Amino acid sequence: MNETTELFEVMDNFKYNLKLLRASTGMSQRAFANGVKMHFTKISRLESGSRLPRLNDLSKIVNYFPGTTFSDLLESKLTIN
């Protein structure tokens, strides 16, 4: 697997996991954005993959979901039981 493929896989995992975690709370993008102190259009773009997350964005998201790590968001697709 080359670096470009790995980056696309990480981004695919991230956008999937972000949407899954947010949806599992029953929150809209706007409500979630308010909770993590981001603009709702940024959340929309992160979930669609049209924007790359900054380290600060990742930190806010990880801190919002107790027990979630950077690895959880990026390394593989999560499942919610």
Protein backbone atom coordinates (compact mmCIF):
# COMPACT_ATOMS: atom_id res chain seq x y z
CA MET A 1 0.00 0.00 0.00
CA ASN A 2 1.45 3.37 -0.96
CA GLU A 3 1.27 6.61 1.02
CA THR A 4 -1.55 8.07 -1.05
CA THR A 5 -3.68 4.96 -0.58
CA GLU A 6 -2.97 5.00 3.15
CA LEU A 7 -3.98 8.67 3.41
CA PHE A 8 -7.27 7.99 1.61
CA GLU A 9 -7.95 5.05 3.91
CA VAL A 10 -7.27 7.14 7.02
CA MET A 11 -9.53 9.92 5.75
CA ASP A 12 -12.27 7.43 4.87
CA ASN A 13 -12.03 5.96 8.37
CA PHE A 14 -12.14 9.41 9.95
CA LYS A 15 -15.19 10.69 8.11
CA TYR A 16 -17.04 7.42 8.70
CA ASN A 17 -16.17 7.37 12.41
CA LEU A 18 -17.01 11.02 12.96
CA LYS A 19 -20.44 10.60 11.41
CA LEU A 20 -21.02 7.32 13.30
CA LEU A 21 -20.08 8.82 16.67
CA ARG A 22 -22.13 11.95 16.11
CA ALA A 23 -25.16 10.01 14.88
CA SER A 24 -24.92 7.61 17.83
CA THR A 25 -25.65 10.57 20.12
CA GLY A 26 -28.69 11.56 18.06
CA MET A 27 -27.27 15.04 17.53
CA SER A 28 -27.53 17.09 14.39
CA GLN A 29 -24.35 18.44 12.84
CA ARG A 30 -25.24 21.88 14.21
CA ALA A 31 -25.77 20.62 17.77
CA PHE A 32 -22.54 18.61 17.65
CA ALA A 33 -20.66 21.59 16.24
CA ASN A 34 -21.86 23.71 19.15
CA GLY A 35 -20.72 21.00 21.57
CA VAL A 36 -17.19 20.85 20.14
CA LYS A 37 -16.97 24.61 19.53
CA MET A 38 -16.69 24.38 15.72
CA HIS A 39 -18.79 25.84 12.95
CA PHE A 40 -21.39 23.40 11.66
CA THR A 41 -20.14 23.76 8.07
CA LYS A 42 -16.76 22.47 9.23
CA ILE A 43 -18.45 19.38 10.70
CA SER A 44 -20.31 18.87 7.43
CA ARG A 45 -17.10 19.15 5.41
CA LEU A 46 -15.21 16.84 7.76
CA GLU A 47 -17.96 14.21 7.51
CA SER A 48 -18.05 14.45 3.73
CA GLY A 49 -14.28 14.26 3.44
CA SER A 50 -14.03 17.58 1.61
CA ARG A 51 -11.93 19.03 4.44
CA LEU A 52 -8.96 17.57 6.27
CA PRO A 53 -9.11 17.79 10.07
CA ARG A 54 -6.50 19.82 11.89
CA LEU A 55 -4.90 18.44 15.02
CA ASN A 56 -6.96 20.87 17.09
CA ASP A 57 -10.15 19.54 15.44
CA LEU A 58 -9.19 15.96 16.24
CA SER A 59 -8.44 16.92 19.82
CA LYS A 60 -11.84 18.58 20.28
CA ILE A 61 -13.62 15.54 18.85
CA VAL A 62 -11.67 13.02 20.94
CA ASN A 63 -12.29 15.06 24.09
CA TYR A 64 -16.01 15.22 23.36
CA PHE A 65 -16.37 11.42 23.26
CA PRO A 66 -14.93 9.96 26.51
CA GLY A 67 -12.85 6.86 25.91
CA THR A 68 -12.24 7.72 22.25
CA THR A 69 -8.65 8.04 21.03
CA PHE A 70 -6.99 9.50 17.97
CA SER A 71 -6.33 5.91 16.88
CA ASP A 72 -10.03 5.11 17.19
CA LEU A 73 -10.89 7.93 14.80
CA LEU A 74 -8.20 7.23 12.22
CA GLU A 75 -7.01 3.62 12.11
CA SER A 76 -10.14 1.61 11.33
CA LYS A 77 -13.89 1.88 11.04
CA LEU A 78 -15.62 1.74 14.41
CA THR A 79 -18.73 -0.22 15.26
CA ILE A 80 -21.28 0.88 17.84
CA ASN A 81 -22.90 -1.87 19.87
